[in-house]
Amino acid sequence: MRGKLREKIHTVVFESDTAAGKAFDVALITLILLSVLTVLLESVASLRERYGAALHVLEWTFTIVFTIEYLLRLYCVQRPLAYARSFFGVVDLMACLPMYLNFFIPGAHSLIVVRSLRLLRIFRVFKLSHYFQEGQVIVQALRASRYKILVFLFSILIVVIISGSLMYLVEGPASGFKDIPVSLYWSVVTMTTVGYGDIAPRTPLGQFLASLLMIVGYSIIAVPTGIVTSEFTRLRGITRNACPVCGAEGHDPDALHCKFCGGRL
C-alpha cells in the first residue's frame, strides 16, 4: 500500500508527461512566480507599510507549501539523500530555508528570491529539456576545465600584483594610488576593460604602463573561452539521460547503469 502511494506521489511530483504531473508543475511554477513577486513587493517601503502583514502571511504560506513539496519529493524517491544532494534538491531546500533563517538572522527572508532558480523546471514541463541539457553540458565543461582555469587565474593574479605595484611606484599618492591595495584594484579594473575612471595615471610612464595592461586585458579574454570550448567539444558525446533512481545525468551513450548510484537506466 505504501509502495503504491509513493509511486503515485512520484508520478505527480516528478513526471511531467502525465496530466496530473504537468498540472502540478504548472501550479508549482505559478506559486514560485507569486512568491518571488511577493518578496519584490515587500521590499518597497510604501507597499510594506500598507500591506506588510498580508505580504508576510503570503510569504509564510508559500514557504509551508514548498516545504511540504520538498518533503514529498524526499519521501517518494528511492534514494532521498541522492536527491537532496542533487542540483534541484539543493535548490528546493534553499527555497524553504530563508523564512526559517529569518528567526535567527533578521532580513534573511529576502533570500527567498533564490526560488527563481526553481523556474528552471519550466524547461522540463514545456518539453524544452534539450535547452536545459545544453546548459548542463556547459556546466560540465566548466567543471572539467577548472584546473586549467585556476592556473590561468593564478597567472592573472601575478600580472595584477606586478602591474599594481609598478603603478604605485610610478604614480604614487599624488595620482590617487595611495597604497598597493588601491593600485591592485586599479589594475583589475583596467585589465578587465571596465575602466571606472575613479583612479587614472597622470605621468607619461604611468599612462604607458596602463596602455600595456589594457592590451594584455584584451588578449587574455579569449583564453578561458578556448579552454572551456575544448572541453565542451569533448563532452558532446555524453548523453543527457537522467537516472530514474537518483536523477543524475551525464552518462555514456552505451551505459546501462548509473555511474553515480548504480541504478538501471
C-alpha atoms as a PDB file:
ATOM      1  CA  MET A   1       0.000   0.000   0.000  1.00  0.00           C
ATOM      2  CA  ARG A   2       2.803   2.350   0.958  1.00  0.00           C
ATOM      3  CA  GLY A   3       4.686   1.455  -2.214  1.00  0.00           C
ATOM      4  CA  LYS A   4       1.708   2.330  -4.395  1.00  0.00           C
ATOM      5  CA  LEU A   5       1.268   5.636  -2.558  1.00  0.00           C
ATOM      6  CA  ARG A   6       4.924   6.545  -3.117  1.00  0.00           C
ATOM      7  CA  GLU A   7       4.597   5.591  -6.768  1.00  0.00           C
ATOM      8  CA  LYS A   8       1.528   7.799  -7.207  1.00  0.00           C
ATOM      9  CA  ILE A   9       3.225  10.723  -5.487  1.00  0.00           C
ATOM     10  CA  HIS A  10       6.328  10.228  -7.624  1.00  0.00           C
ATOM     11  CA  THR A  11       4.210  10.276 -10.777  1.00  0.00           C
ATOM     12  CA  VAL A  12       2.608  13.572  -9.812  1.00  0.00           C
ATOM     13  CA  VAL A  13       5.669  15.295  -8.371  1.00  0.00           C
ATOM     14  CA  PHE A  14       8.383  14.180 -10.786  1.00  0.00           C
ATOM     15  CA  GLU A  15       6.697  13.115 -14.025  1.00  0.00           C
ATOM     16  CA  SER A  16       5.545  15.974 -16.223  1.00  0.00           C
ATOM     17  CA  ASP A  17       4.436  13.629 -19.033  1.00  0.00           C
ATOM     18  CA  THR A  18       1.188  12.809 -17.213  1.00  0.00           C
ATOM     19  CA  ALA A  19      -1.725  15.214 -16.965  1.00  0.00           C
ATOM     20  CA  ALA A  20      -1.519  15.286 -13.162  1.00  0.00           C
ATOM     21  CA  GLY A  21       2.237  15.783 -13.234  1.00  0.00           C
ATOM     22  CA  LYS A  22       2.066  18.630 -15.724  1.00  0.00           C
ATOM     23  CA  ALA A  23      -0.738  20.318 -13.777  1.00  0.00           C
ATOM     24  CA  PHE A  24       1.305  20.008 -10.596  1.00  0.00           C
ATOM     25  CA  ASP A  25       4.389  21.545 -12.247  1.00  0.00           C
ATOM     26  CA  VAL A  26       2.406  24.396 -13.788  1.00  0.00           C
ATOM     27  CA  ALA A  27       0.836  25.145 -10.400  1.00  0.00           C
ATOM     28  CA  LEU A  28       4.279  24.963  -8.786  1.00  0.00           C
ATOM     29  CA  ILE A  29       5.781  27.393 -11.294  1.00  0.00           C
ATOM     30  CA  THR A  30       2.863  29.769 -10.700  1.00  0.00           C
ATOM     31  CA  LEU A  31       3.471  29.647  -6.937  1.00  0.00           C
ATOM     32  CA  ILE A  32       7.191  30.268  -7.467  1.00  0.00           C
ATOM     33  CA  LEU A  33       6.459  33.360  -9.556  1.00  0.00           C
ATOM     34  CA  LEU A  34       3.966  34.644  -6.983  1.00  0.00           C
ATOM     35  CA  SER A  35       6.377  34.040  -4.100  1.00  0.00           C
ATOM     36  CA  VAL A  36       9.190  35.934  -5.821  1.00  0.00           C
ATOM     37  CA  LEU A  37       6.771  38.746  -6.687  1.00  0.00           C
ATOM     38  CA  THR A  38       5.719  38.893  -3.030  1.00  0.00           C
ATOM     39  CA  VAL A  39       9.314  39.394  -1.900  1.00  0.00           C
ATOM     40  CA  LEU A  40       9.869  42.098  -4.511  1.00  0.00           C
ATOM     41  CA  LEU A  41       6.749  43.961  -3.421  1.00  0.00           C
ATOM     42  CA  GLU A  42       7.660  43.585   0.254  1.00  0.00           C
ATOM     43  CA  SER A  43      10.952  45.389  -0.378  1.00  0.00           C
ATOM     44  CA  VAL A  44       9.082  48.545  -1.487  1.00  0.00           C
ATOM     45  CA  ALA A  45       8.687  50.742   1.607  1.00  0.00           C
ATOM     46  CA  SER A  46       5.298  52.237   0.670  1.00  0.00           C
ATOM     47  CA  LEU A  47       3.779  48.831  -0.069  1.00  0.00           C
ATOM     48  CA  ARG A  48       5.343  47.295   3.028  1.00  0.00           C
ATOM     49  CA  GLU A  49       3.717  49.944   5.236  1.00  0.00           C
ATOM     50  CA  ARG A  50       0.255  49.356   3.769  1.00  0.00           C
ATOM     51  CA  TYR A  51       0.272  45.602   3.071  1.00  0.00           C
ATOM     52  CA  GLY A  52       3.165  44.338   5.206  1.00  0.00           C
ATOM     53  CA  ALA A  53       1.048  41.931   7.265  1.00  0.00           C
ATOM     54  CA  ALA A  54      -0.663  40.410   4.222  1.00  0.00           C
ATOM     55  CA  LEU A  55       2.630  40.016   2.368  1.00  0.00           C
ATOM     56  CA  HIS A  56       4.170  38.345   5.416  1.00  0.00           C
ATOM     57  CA  VAL A  57       1.317  35.850   5.575  1.00  0.00           C
ATOM     58  CA  LEU A  58       1.754  35.085   1.876  1.00  0.00           C
ATOM     59  CA  GLU A  59       5.472  34.527   2.332  1.00  0.00           C
ATOM     60  CA  TRP A  60       4.828  32.005   5.086  1.00  0.00           C
ATOM     61  CA  THR A  61       2.084  30.321   3.071  1.00  0.00           C
ATOM     62  CA  PHE A  62       4.407  29.808   0.123  1.00  0.00           C
ATOM     63  CA  THR A  63       7.161  28.587   2.445  1.00  0.00           C
ATOM     64  CA  ILE A  64       4.916  25.970   4.056  1.00  0.00           C
ATOM     65  CA  VAL A  65       3.701  24.762   0.646  1.00  0.00           C
ATOM     66  CA  PHE A  66       7.256  24.459  -0.686  1.00  0.00           C
ATOM     67  CA  THR A  67       8.376  22.699   2.494  1.00  0.00           C
ATOM     68  CA  ILE A  68       5.628  20.094   2.124  1.00  0.00           C
ATOM     69  CA  GLU A  69       6.508  19.677  -1.542  1.00  0.00           C
ATOM     70  CA  TYR A  70      10.203  19.186  -0.685  1.00  0.00           C
ATOM     71  CA  LEU A  71       9.361  16.542   1.933  1.00  0.00           C
ATOM     72  CA  LEU A  72       7.128  14.753  -0.566  1.00  0.00           C
ATOM     73  CA  ARG A  73       9.982  14.640  -3.071  1.00  0.00           C
ATOM     74  CA  LEU A  74      12.263  13.090  -0.460  1.00  0.00           C
ATOM     75  CA  TYR A  75       9.541  10.614   0.514  1.00  0.00           C
ATOM     76  CA  CYS A  76       8.756   9.270  -2.946  1.00  0.00           C
ATOM     77  CA  VAL A  77      12.284   8.739  -4.340  1.00  0.00           C
ATOM     78  CA  GLN A  78      14.166   5.529  -3.691  1.00  0.00           C
ATOM     79  CA  ARG A  79      17.283   7.343  -2.509  1.00  0.00           C
ATOM     80  CA  PRO A  80      16.300  10.573  -0.704  1.00  0.00           C
ATOM     81  CA  LEU A  81      19.885  11.522   0.127  1.00  0.00           C
ATOM     82  CA  ALA A  82      20.901  11.321  -3.537  1.00  0.00           C
ATOM     83  CA  TYR A  83      18.070  13.665  -4.493  1.00  0.00           C
ATOM     84  CA  ALA A  84      18.820  16.010  -1.588  1.00  0.00           C
ATOM     85  CA  ARG A  85      22.405  16.388  -2.850  1.00  0.00           C
ATOM     86  CA  SER A  86      21.376  16.916  -6.470  1.00  0.00           C
ATOM     87  CA  PHE A  87      21.128  20.360  -8.051  1.00  0.00           C
ATOM     88  CA  PHE A  88      17.340  20.581  -7.871  1.00  0.00           C
ATOM     89  CA  GLY A  89      17.356  19.046  -4.396  1.00  0.00           C
ATOM     90  CA  VAL A  90      19.658  21.779  -3.096  1.00  0.00           C
ATOM     91  CA  VAL A  91      17.611  24.479  -4.843  1.00  0.00           C
ATOM     92  CA  ASP A  92      14.381  23.092  -3.372  1.00  0.00           C
ATOM     93  CA  LEU A  93      15.894  23.170   0.112  1.00  0.00           C
ATOM     94  CA  MET A  94      17.227  26.697  -0.339  1.00  0.00           C
ATOM     95  CA  ALA A  95      13.752  27.796  -1.401  1.00  0.00           C
ATOM     96  CA  CYS A  96      12.406  26.792   2.021  1.00  0.00           C
ATOM     97  CA  LEU A  97      15.206  27.894   4.356  1.00  0.00           C
ATOM     98  CA  PRO A  98      15.151  31.740   4.182  1.00  0.00           C
ATOM     99  CA  MET A  99      11.911  32.200   6.144  1.00  0.00           C
ATOM    100  CA  TYR A 100      13.115  29.823   8.861  1.00  0.00           C
ATOM    101  CA  LEU A 101      16.519  31.512   8.982  1.00  0.00           C
ATOM    102  CA  ASN A 102      14.742  34.821   9.496  1.00  0.00           C
ATOM    103  CA  PHE A 103      14.175  33.763  13.126  1.00  0.00           C
ATOM    104  CA  PHE A 104      17.937  33.811  13.683  1.00  0.00           C
ATOM    105  CA  ILE A 105      19.149  36.291  11.024  1.00  0.00           C
ATOM    106  CA  PRO A 106      16.774  39.256  10.582  1.00  0.00           C
ATOM    107  CA  GLY A 107      16.279  40.106   6.922  1.00  0.00           C
ATOM    108  CA  ALA A 108      17.257  36.634   5.713  1.00  0.00           C
ATOM    109  CA  HIS A 109      13.783  36.213   4.204  1.00  0.00           C
ATOM    110  CA  SER A 110      14.930  38.454   1.347  1.00  0.00           C
ATOM    111  CA  LEU A 111      16.929  35.463   0.120  1.00  0.00           C
ATOM    112  CA  ILE A 112      13.600  33.946  -0.918  1.00  0.00           C
ATOM    113  CA  VAL A 113      14.354  35.303  -4.394  1.00  0.00           C
ATOM    114  CA  VAL A 114      16.543  32.224  -4.770  1.00  0.00           C
ATOM    115  CA  ARG A 115      13.275  30.453  -5.529  1.00  0.00           C
ATOM    116  CA  SER A 116      13.545  31.907  -9.008  1.00  0.00           C
ATOM    117  CA  LEU A 117      16.101  29.162  -9.682  1.00  0.00           C
ATOM    118  CA  ARG A 118      13.252  26.688  -9.424  1.00  0.00           C
ATOM    119  CA  LEU A 119      11.840  28.176 -12.613  1.00  0.00           C
ATOM    120  CA  LEU A 120      14.421  26.037 -14.403  1.00  0.00           C
ATOM    121  CA  ARG A 121      11.806  23.298 -14.136  1.00  0.00           C
ATOM    122  CA  ILE A 122       9.894  25.124 -16.853  1.00  0.00           C
ATOM    123  CA  PHE A 123      12.287  23.578 -19.396  1.00  0.00           C
ATOM    124  CA  ARG A 124      11.110  20.110 -18.406  1.00  0.00           C
ATOM    125  CA  VAL A 125       7.434  20.955 -18.074  1.00  0.00           C
ATOM    126  CA  PHE A 126       7.073  22.517 -21.505  1.00  0.00           C
ATOM    127  CA  LYS A 127       9.251  19.995 -23.342  1.00  0.00           C
ATOM    128  CA  LEU A 128      12.217  22.350 -23.564  1.00  0.00           C
ATOM    129  CA  SER A 129      14.538  19.972 -21.761  1.00  0.00           C
ATOM    130  CA  HIS A 130      17.040  19.991 -24.632  1.00  0.00           C
ATOM    131  CA  TYR A 131      17.814  23.629 -23.811  1.00  0.00           C
ATOM    132  CA  PHE A 132      18.445  22.747 -20.183  1.00  0.00           C
ATOM    133  CA  GLN A 133      20.533  19.771 -21.235  1.00  0.00           C
ATOM    134  CA  GLU A 134      22.742  22.011 -23.346  1.00  0.00           C
ATOM    135  CA  GLY A 135      23.234  24.172 -20.283  1.00  0.00           C
ATOM    136  CA  GLN A 136      24.260  21.071 -18.337  1.00  0.00           C
ATOM    137  CA  VAL A 137      26.933  20.378 -20.957  1.00  0.00           C
ATOM    138  CA  ILE A 138      28.356  23.856 -20.419  1.00  0.00           C
ATOM    139  CA  VAL A 139      28.392  23.327 -16.637  1.00  0.00           C
ATOM    140  CA  GLN A 140      30.221  20.021 -17.048  1.00  0.00           C
ATOM    141  CA  ALA A 141      32.703  21.649 -19.427  1.00  0.00           C
ATOM    142  CA  LEU A 142      33.417  24.329 -16.825  1.00  0.00           C
ATOM    143  CA  ARG A 143      33.874  21.676 -14.162  1.00  0.00           C
ATOM    144  CA  ALA A 144      36.228  19.627 -16.359  1.00  0.00           C
ATOM    145  CA  SER A 145      38.378  22.660 -17.177  1.00  0.00           C
ATOM    146  CA  ARG A 146      38.506  24.058 -13.646  1.00  0.00           C
ATOM    147  CA  TYR A 147      42.186  23.220 -13.084  1.00  0.00           C
ATOM    148  CA  LYS A 148      43.269  24.917 -16.294  1.00  0.00           C
ATOM    149  CA  ILE A 149      41.168  27.936 -15.414  1.00  0.00           C
ATOM    150  CA  LEU A 150      42.678  28.046 -11.915  1.00  0.00           C
ATOM    151  CA  VAL A 151      46.179  28.102 -13.409  1.00  0.00           C
ATOM    152  CA  PHE A 152      45.066  30.864 -15.763  1.00  0.00           C
ATOM    153  CA  LEU A 153      43.572  32.906 -12.901  1.00  0.00           C
ATOM    154  CA  PHE A 154      46.743  32.435 -10.862  1.00  0.00           C
ATOM    155  CA  SER A 155      48.760  33.832 -13.774  1.00  0.00           C
ATOM    156  CA  ILE A 156      46.392  36.808 -13.989  1.00  0.00           C
ATOM    157  CA  LEU A 157      46.802  37.367 -10.256  1.00  0.00           C
ATOM    158  CA  ILE A 158      50.562  37.598 -10.699  1.00  0.00           C
ATOM    159  CA  VAL A 159      50.152  40.130 -13.511  1.00  0.00           C
ATOM    160  CA  VAL A 160      47.771  42.177 -11.345  1.00  0.00           C
ATOM    161  CA  ILE A 161      50.194  42.222  -8.411  1.00  0.00           C
ATOM    162  CA  ILE A 162      53.161  43.224 -10.565  1.00  0.00           C
ATOM    163  CA  SER A 163      51.302  45.915 -12.527  1.00  0.00           C
ATOM    164  CA  GLY A 164      49.632  47.317  -9.400  1.00  0.00           C
ATOM    165  CA  SER A 165      52.944  47.533  -7.546  1.00  0.00           C
ATOM    166  CA  LEU A 166      54.610  49.243 -10.504  1.00  0.00           C
ATOM    167  CA  MET A 167      51.838  51.822 -10.758  1.00  0.00           C
ATOM    168  CA  TYR A 168      52.164  52.529  -7.034  1.00  0.00           C
ATOM    169  CA  LEU A 169      55.872  53.227  -7.502  1.00  0.00           C
ATOM    170  CA  VAL A 170      55.419  55.254 -10.693  1.00  0.00           C
ATOM    171  CA  GLU A 171      52.333  57.330  -9.791  1.00  0.00           C
ATOM    172  CA  GLY A 172      52.193  57.380  -6.010  1.00  0.00           C
ATOM    173  CA  PRO A 173      49.599  59.001  -3.724  1.00  0.00           C
ATOM    174  CA  ALA A 174      49.596  62.239  -5.732  1.00  0.00           C
ATOM    175  CA  SER A 175      47.722  60.483  -8.578  1.00  0.00           C
ATOM    176  CA  GLY A 176      45.354  58.569  -6.313  1.00  0.00           C
ATOM    177  CA  PHE A 177      47.495  55.426  -5.936  1.00  0.00           C
ATOM    178  CA  LYS A 178      47.769  55.907  -2.179  1.00  0.00           C
ATOM    179  CA  ASP A 179      48.720  52.300  -1.411  1.00  0.00           C
ATOM    180  CA  ILE A 180      49.305  48.962  -3.143  1.00  0.00           C
ATOM    181  CA  PRO A 181      45.797  47.512  -2.473  1.00  0.00           C
ATOM    182  CA  VAL A 182      44.252  50.537  -4.227  1.00  0.00           C
ATOM    183  CA  SER A 183      46.741  50.072  -7.073  1.00  0.00           C
ATOM    184  CA  LEU A 184      45.722  46.408  -7.338  1.00  0.00           C
ATOM    185  CA  TYR A 185      42.077  47.486  -7.562  1.00  0.00           C
ATOM    186  CA  TRP A 186      43.007  49.855 -10.399  1.00  0.00           C
ATOM    187  CA  SER A 187      44.912  47.047 -12.111  1.00  0.00           C
ATOM    188  CA  VAL A 188      41.908  44.693 -12.012  1.00  0.00           C
ATOM    189  CA  VAL A 189      39.548  47.386 -13.288  1.00  0.00           C
ATOM    190  CA  THR A 190      41.937  48.257 -16.113  1.00  0.00           C
ATOM    191  CA  MET A 191      42.750  44.679 -17.133  1.00  0.00           C
ATOM    192  CA  THR A 192      39.082  43.725 -17.307  1.00  0.00           C
ATOM    193  CA  THR A 193      38.478  46.801 -19.526  1.00  0.00           C
ATOM    194  CA  VAL A 194      35.831  48.091 -17.102  1.00  0.00           C
ATOM    195  CA  GLY A 195      37.552  51.429 -16.599  1.00  0.00           C
ATOM    196  CA  TYR A 196      35.578  53.246 -13.884  1.00  0.00           C
ATOM    197  CA  GLY A 197      37.863  56.256 -14.169  1.00  0.00           C
ATOM    198  CA  ASP A 198      37.971  56.960 -10.431  1.00  0.00           C
ATOM    199  CA  ILE A 199      41.749  56.438 -10.497  1.00  0.00           C
ATOM    200  CA  ALA A 200      43.862  57.241 -13.554  1.00  0.00           C
ATOM    201  CA  PRO A 201      47.597  57.597 -14.218  1.00  0.00           C
ATOM    202  CA  ARG A 202      48.881  61.099 -14.918  1.00  0.00           C
ATOM    203  CA  THR A 203      52.542  60.640 -15.764  1.00  0.00           C
ATOM    204  CA  PRO A 204      53.683  59.535 -19.247  1.00  0.00           C
ATOM    205  CA  LEU A 205      55.306  56.380 -17.855  1.00  0.00           C
ATOM    206  CA  GLY A 206      52.163  55.518 -15.901  1.00  0.00           C
ATOM    207  CA  GLN A 207      49.998  56.012 -18.979  1.00  0.00           C
ATOM    208  CA  PHE A 208      52.335  53.809 -20.981  1.00  0.00           C
ATOM    209  CA  LEU A 209      52.101  51.016 -18.390  1.00  0.00           C
ATOM    210  CA  ALA A 210      48.324  51.425 -18.336  1.00  0.00           C
ATOM    211  CA  SER A 211      48.200  51.072 -22.123  1.00  0.00           C
ATOM    212  CA  LEU A 212      50.214  47.851 -21.958  1.00  0.00           C
ATOM    213  CA  LEU A 213      47.887  46.491 -19.286  1.00  0.00           C
ATOM    214  CA  MET A 214      44.835  47.297 -21.419  1.00  0.00           C
ATOM    215  CA  ILE A 215      46.334  45.405 -24.359  1.00  0.00           C
ATOM    216  CA  VAL A 216      47.083  42.453 -22.092  1.00  0.00           C
ATOM    217  CA  GLY A 217      43.489  42.588 -20.852  1.00  0.00           C
ATOM    218  CA  TYR A 218      42.116  42.328 -24.379  1.00  0.00           C
ATOM    219  CA  SER A 219      44.462  39.475 -25.258  1.00  0.00           C
ATOM    220  CA  ILE A 220      43.544  37.290 -22.272  1.00  0.00           C
ATOM    221  CA  ILE A 221      39.778  37.413 -22.804  1.00  0.00           C
ATOM    222  CA  ALA A 222      39.891  34.585 -25.349  1.00  0.00           C
ATOM    223  CA  VAL A 223      41.994  32.234 -23.164  1.00  0.00           C
ATOM    224  CA  PRO A 224      39.277  30.870 -20.830  1.00  0.00           C
ATOM    225  CA  THR A 225      36.875  30.718 -23.766  1.00  0.00           C
ATOM    226  CA  GLY A 226      39.244  28.424 -25.632  1.00  0.00           C
ATOM    227  CA  ILE A 227      39.759  26.220 -22.568  1.00  0.00           C
ATOM    228  CA  VAL A 228      36.041  25.727 -21.998  1.00  0.00           C
ATOM    229  CA  THR A 229      35.320  25.265 -25.717  1.00  0.00           C
ATOM    230  CA  SER A 230      37.768  22.352 -25.955  1.00  0.00           C
ATOM    231  CA  GLU A 231      36.068  20.594 -23.040  1.00  0.00           C
ATOM    232  CA  PHE A 232      32.641  21.414 -24.463  1.00  0.00           C
ATOM    233  CA  THR A 233      33.568  19.693 -27.733  1.00  0.00           C
ATOM    234  CA  ARG A 234      34.793  16.620 -25.870  1.00  0.00           C
ATOM    235  CA  LEU A 235      31.604  16.314 -23.821  1.00  0.00           C
ATOM    236  CA  ARG A 236      29.243  16.423 -26.767  1.00  0.00           C
ATOM    237  CA  GLY A 237      29.295  12.626 -26.925  1.00  0.00           C
ATOM    238  CA  ILE A 238      27.800  12.232 -23.437  1.00  0.00           C
ATOM    239  CA  THR A 239      24.057  11.642 -23.170  1.00  0.00           C
ATOM    240  CA  ARG A 240      21.677  13.746 -21.052  1.00  0.00           C
ATOM    241  CA  ASN A 241      19.547  10.789 -19.922  1.00  0.00           C
ATOM    242  CA  ALA A 242      18.597  11.156 -16.247  1.00  0.00           C
ATOM    243  CA  CYS A 243      18.875   8.242 -13.830  1.00  0.00           C
ATOM    244  CA  PRO A 244      15.394   7.211 -12.588  1.00  0.00           C
ATOM    245  CA  VAL A 245      16.848   6.442  -9.128  1.00  0.00           C
ATOM    246  CA  CYS A 246      18.982   9.482  -8.236  1.00  0.00           C
ATOM    247  CA  GLY A 247      18.225  11.844 -11.148  1.00  0.00           C
ATOM    248  CA  ALA A 248      21.894  12.267 -12.122  1.00  0.00           C
ATOM    249  CA  GLU A 249      22.831  12.974 -15.749  1.00  0.00           C
ATOM    250  CA  GLY A 250      25.965  12.710 -17.872  1.00  0.00           C
ATOM    251  CA  HIS A 251      26.087   9.009 -18.803  1.00  0.00           C
ATOM    252  CA  ASP A 252      27.854   7.400 -21.736  1.00  0.00           C
ATOM    253  CA  PRO A 253      25.663   6.533 -24.758  1.00  0.00           C
ATOM    254  CA  ASP A 254      26.016   2.765 -24.157  1.00  0.00           C
ATOM    255  CA  ALA A 255      25.629   2.899 -20.362  1.00  0.00           C
ATOM    256  CA  LEU A 256      23.110   0.515 -18.814  1.00  0.00           C
ATOM    257  CA  HIS A 257      23.555   1.590 -15.200  1.00  0.00           C
ATOM    258  CA  CYS A 258      24.036   4.937 -13.494  1.00  0.00           C
ATOM    259  CA  LYS A 259      27.715   5.623 -12.766  1.00  0.00           C
ATOM    260  CA  PHE A 260      26.745   7.576  -9.636  1.00  0.00           C
ATOM    261  CA  CYS A 261      24.341   5.249  -7.813  1.00  0.00           C
ATOM    262  CA  GLY A 262      24.346   2.038  -9.874  1.00  0.00           C
ATOM    263  CA  GLY A 263      20.645   2.224 -10.717  1.00  0.00           C
ATOM    264  CA  ARG A 264      19.484   0.808 -14.035  1.00  0.00           C
ATOM    265  CA  LEU A 265      18.996   3.428 -16.748  1.00  0.00           C
END
